[in-house]
Protein backbone atom coordinates (compact mmCIF):
# COMPACT_ATOMS: atom_id res chain seq x y z
CA MET A 1 0.00 0.00 0.00
CA SER A 2 1.22 3.48 -0.82
CA GLU A 3 2.44 5.56 2.09
CA GLN A 4 2.58 8.91 0.25
CA ARG A 5 -0.71 10.43 1.34
CA SER A 6 -0.84 12.77 4.32
CA PRO A 7 -3.62 13.34 6.83
CA ALA A 8 -4.36 16.62 5.10
CA THR A 9 -5.59 14.68 2.09
CA GLY A 10 -7.83 12.52 4.33
CA GLY A 11 -11.59 12.49 3.83
CA ARG A 12 -12.55 9.87 1.30
CA VAL A 13 -8.98 8.87 0.47
CA VAL A 14 -9.35 5.84 2.75
CA PHE A 15 -11.77 4.36 0.22
CA THR A 16 -9.04 4.26 -2.43
CA PHE A 17 -7.64 1.24 -0.58
CA PRO A 18 -9.50 -1.92 -1.70
CA PRO A 19 -9.00 -3.81 1.61
CA PHE A 20 -10.70 -0.98 3.51
CA ARG A 21 -13.54 -0.78 0.97
CA ASN A 22 -14.22 -4.51 1.16
CA TYR A 23 -14.01 -4.50 4.94
CA GLU A 24 -16.44 -1.60 5.38
CA PHE A 25 -18.85 -2.96 2.76
CA ALA A 26 -18.92 -6.27 4.65
CA ARG A 27 -19.38 -4.46 7.94
CA LEU A 28 -22.24 -2.34 6.56
CA LEU A 29 -23.98 -5.51 5.39
CA ILE A 30 -23.50 -7.40 8.65
CA VAL A 31 -24.60 -4.53 10.91
CA VAL A 32 -27.69 -3.85 8.80
CA SER A 33 -28.48 -7.58 8.85
CA LEU A 34 -28.09 -7.88 12.62
CA GLU A 35 -30.12 -4.73 13.27
CA MET A 36 -32.93 -5.96 10.98
CA GLN A 37 -32.85 -9.31 12.73
CA SER A 38 -32.94 -7.67 16.16
CA VAL A 39 -36.17 -5.87 15.29
CA ALA A 40 -37.77 -9.11 14.07
CA VAL A 41 -36.64 -11.04 17.15
CA GLY A 42 -38.04 -8.36 19.44
CA TRP A 43 -41.45 -8.39 17.76
CA GLN A 44 -41.57 -12.18 17.58
CA VAL A 45 -40.56 -12.70 21.22
CA TYR A 46 -43.05 -10.12 22.48
CA GLU A 47 -45.85 -11.59 20.37
CA ILE A 48 -45.15 -15.01 21.89
CA THR A 49 -44.74 -13.93 25.53
CA ARG A 50 -46.36 -10.49 25.91
CA LYS A 51 -43.79 -9.90 28.65
CA PRO A 52 -41.32 -6.94 28.63
CA LEU A 53 -38.93 -9.06 30.69
CA ALA A 54 -38.60 -11.44 27.74
CA LEU A 55 -37.21 -8.57 25.67
CA GLY A 56 -34.58 -7.94 28.33
CA ILE A 57 -33.59 -11.59 28.24
CA THR A 58 -32.96 -11.38 24.47
CA GLY A 59 -30.28 -8.78 25.15
CA LEU A 60 -28.87 -10.59 28.16
CA VAL A 61 -28.31 -13.93 26.40
CA GLN A 62 -26.33 -12.13 23.69
CA PHE A 63 -24.26 -10.08 26.14
CA VAL A 64 -23.23 -12.80 28.61
CA PRO A 65 -21.14 -14.90 26.14
CA GLY A 66 -18.95 -11.87 25.46
CA VAL A 67 -18.18 -11.48 29.16
CA ILE A 68 -17.42 -15.18 29.57
CA LEU A 69 -15.35 -15.61 26.41
CA PHE A 70 -13.50 -12.30 26.03
CA LEU A 71 -10.13 -13.74 27.09
CA VAL A 72 -10.49 -16.62 24.63
CA SER A 73 -11.83 -14.50 21.76
CA GLY A 74 -9.10 -11.90 22.15
CA HIS A 75 -6.40 -14.55 22.13
CA ALA A 76 -7.94 -16.13 19.02
CA ALA A 77 -7.85 -12.78 17.21
CA ASP A 78 -4.09 -12.59 17.86
CA ARG A 79 -3.32 -16.26 17.21
CA PHE A 80 -5.17 -16.97 13.94
CA ASP A 81 -5.46 -15.30 10.54
CA ARG A 82 -7.84 -12.41 11.19
CA ARG A 83 -9.46 -12.39 7.75
CA ARG A 84 -10.36 -16.06 7.97
CA LEU A 85 -11.53 -15.75 11.57
CA LEU A 86 -13.77 -12.80 10.70
CA THR A 87 -15.17 -14.73 7.73
CA ALA A 88 -15.92 -17.66 10.05
CA CYS A 89 -17.77 -15.30 12.42
CA TYR A 90 -19.90 -13.96 9.57
CA ALA A 91 -20.61 -17.56 8.53
CA ALA A 92 -21.75 -18.23 12.11
CA TYR A 93 -24.07 -15.20 11.87
CA ALA A 94 -25.51 -16.73 8.69
CA VAL A 95 -26.11 -20.04 10.48
CA CYS A 96 -27.95 -18.24 13.30
CA SER A 97 -30.12 -16.38 10.78
CA ALA A 98 -30.89 -19.68 9.06
CA LEU A 99 -31.92 -21.22 12.40
CA LEU A 100 -34.16 -18.24 13.19
CA LEU A 101 -35.65 -18.55 9.69
CA ALA A 102 -36.41 -22.23 10.37
CA ILE A 103 -38.05 -21.30 13.68
CA GLY A 104 -40.11 -18.60 11.97
CA ILE A 105 -41.29 -20.94 9.22
CA SER A 106 -42.19 -23.65 11.73
CA GLY A 107 -44.41 -21.24 13.65
CA THR A 108 -43.22 -22.55 17.01
CA GLN A 109 -44.34 -20.70 20.13
CA ARG A 110 -41.41 -21.87 22.28
CA VAL A 111 -39.39 -18.80 23.02
CA TYR A 112 -36.53 -20.78 24.55
CA THR A 113 -35.49 -22.03 21.13
CA ILE A 114 -35.04 -18.40 20.08
CA TYR A 115 -33.02 -17.73 23.23
CA GLY A 116 -30.79 -20.68 22.34
CA VAL A 117 -30.07 -19.28 18.87
CA LEU A 118 -29.42 -15.82 20.32
CA THR A 119 -26.91 -17.35 22.73
CA LEU A 120 -25.05 -18.83 19.75
CA LEU A 121 -25.24 -15.41 18.12
CA GLY A 122 -23.67 -13.91 21.24
CA VAL A 123 -20.81 -16.42 21.03
CA ALA A 124 -20.16 -15.46 17.39
CA ARG A 125 -20.32 -11.78 18.30
CA SER A 126 -17.81 -12.25 21.13
CA PHE A 127 -15.24 -13.43 18.55
CA ALA A 128 -16.25 -11.03 15.76
CA GLY A 129 -15.89 -7.89 17.87
CA PRO A 130 -12.18 -8.12 18.77
CA VAL A 131 -11.04 -9.46 15.39
CA SER A 132 -12.99 -6.89 13.36
CA ARG A 133 -11.34 -4.08 15.30
CA ALA A 134 -7.88 -5.67 15.37
CA ILE A 135 -7.78 -6.04 11.57
CA LEU A 136 -8.68 -2.40 10.85
CA PRO A 137 -5.15 -0.90 11.30
CA GLN A 138 -3.83 -3.38 8.72
CA LEU A 139 -6.05 -1.97 5.97
CA VAL A 140 -4.82 1.63 5.57
CA PRO A 141 -1.54 3.52 6.06
CA GLN A 142 -0.87 4.80 9.56
CA GLU A 143 -1.06 8.52 8.68
CA ILE A 144 -4.73 8.33 7.59
CA PHE A 145 -5.81 5.88 10.27
CA PRO A 146 -7.76 8.52 12.31
CA SER A 147 -9.83 9.23 9.19
CA ALA A 148 -10.41 5.48 8.78
CA VAL A 149 -11.66 5.25 12.38
CA ALA A 150 -14.04 8.15 11.80
CA TRP A 151 -15.48 6.58 8.63
CA HIS A 152 -15.65 3.26 10.47
CA ALA A 153 -17.82 4.87 13.14
CA SER A 154 -19.91 6.78 10.58
CA ILE A 155 -20.71 3.62 8.62
CA PHE A 156 -21.71 1.85 11.83
CA GLN A 157 -24.07 4.71 12.73
CA THR A 158 -25.58 4.66 9.24
CA ALA A 159 -26.13 0.91 9.41
CA SER A 160 -27.60 1.21 12.91
CA ILE A 161 -30.18 3.70 11.62
CA LEU A 162 -30.91 1.88 8.35
CA GLY A 163 -31.12 -1.65 9.75
CA PRO A 164 -34.04 -1.25 12.19
CA ALA A 165 -36.02 0.75 9.63
CA LEU A 166 -35.58 -1.96 6.98
CA GLY A 167 -36.38 -4.68 9.48
CA GLY A 168 -39.62 -3.00 10.49
CA VAL A 169 -40.71 -2.38 6.89
CA ILE A 170 -39.95 -5.95 5.77
CA TYR A 171 -41.67 -7.41 8.85
CA ALA A 172 -44.79 -5.33 8.23
CA PHE A 173 -44.90 -5.94 4.47
CA PHE A 174 -44.55 -9.72 4.71
CA GLY A 175 -46.55 -10.03 7.92
CA GLY A 176 -43.96 -11.95 9.94
CA PRO A 177 -40.30 -12.40 10.84
CA SER A 178 -39.33 -15.06 8.29
CA ALA A 179 -38.66 -12.58 5.47
CA VAL A 180 -36.47 -10.50 7.77
CA TYR A 181 -34.44 -13.55 8.77
CA ALA A 182 -34.05 -14.51 5.10
CA ALA A 183 -32.77 -11.01 4.30
CA ALA A 184 -30.36 -11.18 7.25
CA LEU A 185 -29.13 -14.57 6.03
CA ALA A 186 -28.45 -13.15 2.58
CA GLY A 187 -26.66 -10.14 4.08
CA ALA A 188 -24.42 -12.32 6.26
CA ILE A 189 -23.46 -14.52 3.29
CA ALA A 190 -22.62 -11.44 1.18
CA ALA A 191 -20.59 -10.00 4.07
CA GLY A 192 -18.59 -13.21 4.31
CA GLY A 193 -17.84 -13.06 0.58
CA ALA A 194 -16.66 -9.44 0.81
CA THR A 195 -14.43 -10.33 3.77
CA LEU A 196 -12.81 -13.16 1.82
CA ALA A 197 -11.84 -10.59 -0.83
CA ILE A 198 -9.76 -8.60 1.69
CA ARG A 199 -6.00 -8.73 1.09
CA THR A 200 -4.04 -7.00 3.83
CA GLY A 201 -0.55 -7.71 2.49
CA ARG A 202 0.51 -8.46 6.06
CA PRO A 203 1.77 -11.83 7.31
CA ALA A 204 -0.41 -13.75 9.73
CA PRO A 205 0.43 -13.01 13.39
CA PRO A 206 2.88 -15.40 15.05
CA ARG A 207 1.21 -18.23 16.94
CA GLU A 208 2.08 -17.84 20.58
CA PRO A 209 1.76 -20.90 22.80
CA VAL A 210 -1.54 -21.02 24.66
CA SER A 211 -0.98 -20.31 28.34
CA TRP A 212 -2.46 -18.16 31.07
CA ALA A 213 0.38 -15.70 30.51
CA THR A 214 -0.50 -15.15 26.85
CA VAL A 215 -4.26 -15.17 27.42
CA LEU A 216 -3.98 -12.54 30.18
CA ALA A 217 -1.38 -10.46 28.33
CA GLY A 218 -4.03 -8.00 27.11
CA LEU A 219 -5.19 -7.22 30.64
CA ARG A 220 -1.62 -6.69 31.81
CA TYR A 221 -0.87 -4.45 28.84
CA ILE A 222 -3.92 -2.26 29.49
CA ARG A 223 -3.02 -1.94 33.17
CA ARG A 224 0.50 -0.86 32.19
CA GLU A 225 -0.50 1.58 29.43
CA LYS A 226 -2.22 4.40 31.32
CA VAL A 227 -3.45 6.17 28.17
CA ILE A 228 -5.41 3.10 27.12
CA LEU A 229 -6.62 2.31 30.63
CA GLY A 230 -7.70 5.90 31.18
CA SER A 231 -9.54 6.24 27.86
CA ILE A 232 -11.56 3.01 28.01
CA SER A 233 -12.37 3.30 31.73
CA LEU A 234 -13.52 6.92 31.33
CA ASP A 235 -15.83 5.89 28.51
CA LEU A 236 -17.20 3.07 30.68
CA VAL A 237 -18.00 5.35 33.61
CA ALA A 238 -19.36 8.25 31.54
CA VAL A 239 -21.75 6.11 29.46
CA LEU A 240 -22.70 4.10 32.55
CA LEU A 241 -23.76 7.27 34.35
CA GLY A 242 -25.10 9.28 31.42
CA GLY A 243 -27.49 6.72 29.93
CA ALA A 244 -30.34 9.14 29.24
CA VAL A 245 -31.38 7.27 26.09
CA ALA A 246 -32.84 4.44 28.16
CA LEU A 247 -35.39 6.86 29.64
CA LEU A 248 -36.51 8.47 26.37
CA PRO A 249 -39.95 6.75 26.42
CA VAL A 250 -40.62 8.34 29.83
CA TYR A 251 -39.55 11.78 28.60
CA ALA A 252 -41.57 11.52 25.39
CA ARG A 253 -44.76 10.48 27.18
CA GLU A 254 -44.67 12.13 30.60
CA ILE A 255 -42.45 15.21 30.27
CA LEU A 256 -42.38 16.43 26.66
CA ARG A 257 -45.91 15.12 25.89
CA THR A 258 -45.11 14.23 22.29
CA GLY A 259 -46.26 10.67 21.63
CA PRO A 260 -44.66 7.96 19.45
CA TRP A 261 -43.58 10.33 16.66
CA GLY A 262 -41.65 12.43 19.15
CA LEU A 263 -40.02 9.35 20.65
CA GLY A 264 -38.80 8.38 17.19
CA ILE A 265 -37.20 11.79 16.68
CA LEU A 266 -35.64 11.74 20.14
CA ARG A 267 -34.18 8.28 19.54
CA SER A 268 -32.70 9.29 16.21
CA ALA A 269 -31.16 12.54 17.46
CA PRO A 270 -28.02 11.05 19.13
CA GLY A 271 -27.35 8.90 16.07
CA ALA A 272 -27.71 11.90 13.76
CA GLY A 273 -25.27 13.93 15.85
CA ALA A 274 -22.81 11.04 16.02
CA ALA A 275 -22.95 10.40 12.26
CA ALA A 276 -22.45 14.08 11.41
CA MET A 277 -19.50 14.38 13.79
CA ALA A 278 -17.92 11.18 12.45
CA ILE A 279 -18.03 12.50 8.88
CA LEU A 280 -16.57 15.84 10.03
CA LEU A 281 -13.70 14.05 11.78
CA ALA A 282 -13.11 11.93 8.68
CA TYR A 283 -12.49 15.07 6.64
CA ARG A 284 -10.85 17.11 9.40
CA PRO A 285 -9.05 14.68 11.74
CA LEU A 286 -7.65 15.99 15.00
CA ARG A 287 -4.10 17.30 14.67
CA GLY A 288 -3.10 17.41 18.33
CA ARG A 289 -4.18 17.60 21.99
CA ALA A 290 -6.14 14.38 21.52
CA GLY A 291 -6.29 13.54 25.22
CA ALA A 292 -7.48 16.98 26.26
CA SER A 293 -10.04 16.97 23.42
CA MET A 294 -11.40 13.64 24.64
CA LEU A 295 -11.72 14.90 28.21
CA TRP A 296 -13.48 18.08 27.11
CA CYS A 297 -15.89 16.14 24.92
CA VAL A 298 -16.76 13.65 27.66
CA ALA A 299 -17.46 16.62 29.93
CA GLY A 300 -19.57 18.07 27.10
CA PHE A 301 -21.42 14.76 26.88
CA GLY A 302 -22.30 15.08 30.57
CA ALA A 303 -23.30 18.75 30.23
CA ALA A 304 -25.55 18.02 27.24
CA THR A 305 -27.15 15.22 29.24
CA VAL A 306 -27.92 17.67 32.05
CA ILE A 307 -29.46 20.12 29.55
CA PHE A 308 -31.66 17.34 28.22
CA GLY A 309 -32.63 16.41 31.78
CA VAL A 310 -33.86 19.90 32.68
CA SER A 311 -35.41 20.73 29.29
CA ARG A 312 -39.16 21.04 28.84
CA SER A 313 -38.83 22.17 25.23
CA PHE A 314 -38.98 19.50 22.53
CA VAL A 315 -36.62 21.45 20.24
CA LEU A 316 -34.06 22.01 23.01
CA SER A 317 -34.29 18.35 23.98
CA VAL A 318 -33.57 17.26 20.40
CA VAL A 319 -30.63 19.68 20.13
CA SER A 320 -29.17 18.47 23.42
CA LEU A 321 -29.44 14.84 22.28
CA VAL A 322 -27.70 15.72 19.00
CA LEU A 323 -24.89 17.21 21.12
CA VAL A 324 -24.85 14.05 23.26
CA GLY A 325 -24.24 11.97 20.15
CA ALA A 326 -21.70 14.37 18.63
CA THR A 327 -19.56 14.71 21.76
CA ASP A 328 -19.69 10.98 22.38
CA MET A 329 -18.50 10.34 18.81
CA VAL A 330 -15.41 12.51 19.34
CA SER A 331 -14.61 10.37 22.37
CA VAL A 332 -15.27 7.17 20.38
CA VAL A 333 -12.93 8.18 17.54
CA ILE A 334 -10.14 9.34 19.84
CA ARG A 335 -10.41 6.28 22.07
CA GLY A 336 -10.61 3.94 19.11
CA THR A 337 -7.52 5.47 17.52
CA LEU A 338 -5.49 5.62 20.74
CA VAL A 339 -6.25 2.02 21.63
CA GLN A 340 -5.22 0.82 18.17
CA VAL A 341 -2.06 2.87 17.62
CA LYS A 342 -0.77 2.40 21.15
CA THR A 343 -1.14 -1.38 20.96
CA PRO A 344 1.30 -3.66 19.07
CA ASP A 345 -0.36 -5.54 16.23
CA GLU A 346 0.30 -8.95 17.80
CA MET A 347 -1.70 -7.92 20.91
CA ARG A 348 -4.56 -5.93 19.38
CA GLY A 349 -7.04 -8.79 19.56
CA ARG A 350 -6.65 -9.26 23.30
CA VAL A 351 -6.70 -5.54 24.06
CA ASN A 352 -9.75 -4.97 21.87
CA ALA A 353 -11.54 -7.89 23.53
CA VAL A 354 -11.20 -6.14 26.89
CA ASP A 355 -12.34 -2.85 25.34
CA MET A 356 -15.40 -4.58 23.85
CA VAL A 357 -16.37 -5.85 27.31
CA PHE A 358 -16.04 -2.30 28.67
CA ILE A 359 -18.24 -0.95 25.87
CA GLY A 360 -20.84 -3.67 26.29
CA ALA A 361 -20.91 -3.25 30.05
CA SER A 362 -21.31 0.52 29.79
CA ASN A 363 -24.25 0.20 27.39
CA GLU A 364 -26.06 -2.70 29.04
CA LEU A 365 -25.40 -1.71 32.65
CA GLY A 366 -25.94 1.97 31.82
CA GLU A 367 -29.53 1.28 30.81
CA PHE A 368 -30.03 -0.79 33.96
CA GLU A 369 -28.51 1.96 36.14
CA SER A 370 -30.74 4.60 34.57
CA GLY A 371 -33.82 2.46 35.12
CA VAL A 372 -32.99 1.79 38.77
CA THR A 373 -32.14 5.44 39.49
CA ALA A 374 -35.34 6.60 37.78
CA GLN A 375 -37.31 4.11 39.86
CA TRP A 376 -35.79 5.50 43.05
CA PHE A 377 -35.66 9.25 42.33
CA GLY A 378 -37.69 9.85 39.16
CA ALA A 379 -36.65 10.19 35.54
CA VAL A 380 -35.56 13.85 35.61
CA PRO A 381 -33.30 13.56 38.68
CA ALA A 382 -31.84 10.34 37.26
CA VAL A 383 -30.81 12.01 34.00
CA ILE A 384 -29.48 15.14 35.72
CA LEU A 385 -27.49 13.16 38.30
CA GLY A 386 -26.09 10.96 35.54
CA GLY A 387 -24.90 13.96 33.52
CA ILE A 388 -23.33 15.57 36.59
CA GLY A 389 -21.65 12.25 37.37
CA ALA A 390 -20.15 12.12 33.86
CA VAL A 391 -18.71 15.64 34.29
CA ALA A 392 -17.33 14.74 37.74
CA ALA A 393 -15.78 11.55 36.35
CA THR A 394 -14.03 13.58 33.65
CA ILE A 395 -12.47 15.84 36.27
CA LEU A 396 -11.30 12.86 38.31
CA TRP A 397 -9.85 11.06 35.27
CA ALA A 398 -7.97 14.19 34.19
CA TRP A 399 -6.33 14.12 37.64
CA TRP A 400 -5.82 10.35 37.91
CA PHE A 401 -4.50 9.87 34.35
CA PRO A 402 -2.17 12.75 33.47
CA GLU A 403 -0.82 10.59 30.62
CA LEU A 404 -4.25 10.75 28.99
CA ARG A 405 -4.51 14.49 29.57
CA ARG A 406 -1.12 15.03 27.90
CA ALA A 407 -1.73 12.69 24.91
CA ASP A 408 -1.09 14.76 21.79
CA LYS A 409 -1.12 13.51 18.18
CA LEU A 410 -3.06 10.36 17.47
CA VAL A 411 -0.74 8.71 14.95
CA GLU A 412 2.73 9.25 16.38
CA SER A 413 2.67 6.52 19.02
CA LEU A 414 2.53 3.41 16.82
CA PRO A 415 5.04 0.98 18.36
CA ALA A 416 7.35 -1.13 16.29
CA THR A 417 6.17 -4.73 15.89
């Protein structure tokens, strides 16, 4: 791959590299497929059970395998050829879609069979997450990697918005989940084919002997590298505390008095802000003061959450949620770049596996924390306290992790491997 392009020529230049194009096309397909499938599963499970708790279980059975297997999945991402491993994960997604399609066609009313397939899906996801992130730095030159991370995040946001909409339309048009599962199956197969077309030009990572020392190496590396530890732990705490999105139905119905249409706009606002910011960062990547920028943006995330908490205006609430998404995206891009460029290639799988657990925990537990706090104190105090907590956490992390505060340029710390 040519190394002659500079960050100043960023923007869409990352798409001139065929490995990156194939990778992101595959990722767009797989995220859209999984999001479509998630909508169909939710409707199908609720139609069978009529119990909100059953919907919570669908998320839990997919999250738990990642927590149990993250040490194994991270080690696998560093031990085996990443392209082939990612292709195998997409093939496993296709198998799960095929099983859900068979369940849908059979018309069974046993929800536990769906839970079983979703557990298998969670296992596949626990391996796909670390390897899909670990392979990304191998696809573009180092100097445009921040732009690649920004486009990576933007494509994910686009797929996350497009997937549920497509899933809902297909479900409604065909009157059931089977057509959605068939579409997800086709998407997973196409994603696997696009992944097979990736050629990184890099040798496969050396196969380290399997031992507790090598399996736990990622945890030890994160503990030693304060920039990485500070960035991923700050994101965990801030999202855990500032999970206002989980309470949007309460705000739409009880506080802003808008109804379902307003809830849809409120839910889309953070994604719109995140997507817009990701595209901006793709064209204008950060030149310096990355650590300070991340800290300021996490504090901005908390402040925007507080504004949303106190707002009684629908317009102001939407604007504040757009800012929540935009500031969070700056943190996502900076953290994603720092974690990748500060980690040697032969250890990226294990480090990213830990990071994926942090991200999953912050999202899943953040919604739980918001629900519990709202139950105790009410929705408005819960959101306000969460936003204040995110700002306070930023101040503490700036003090506890001076290495993160002083982190400057994103692409100068790539270690020799």
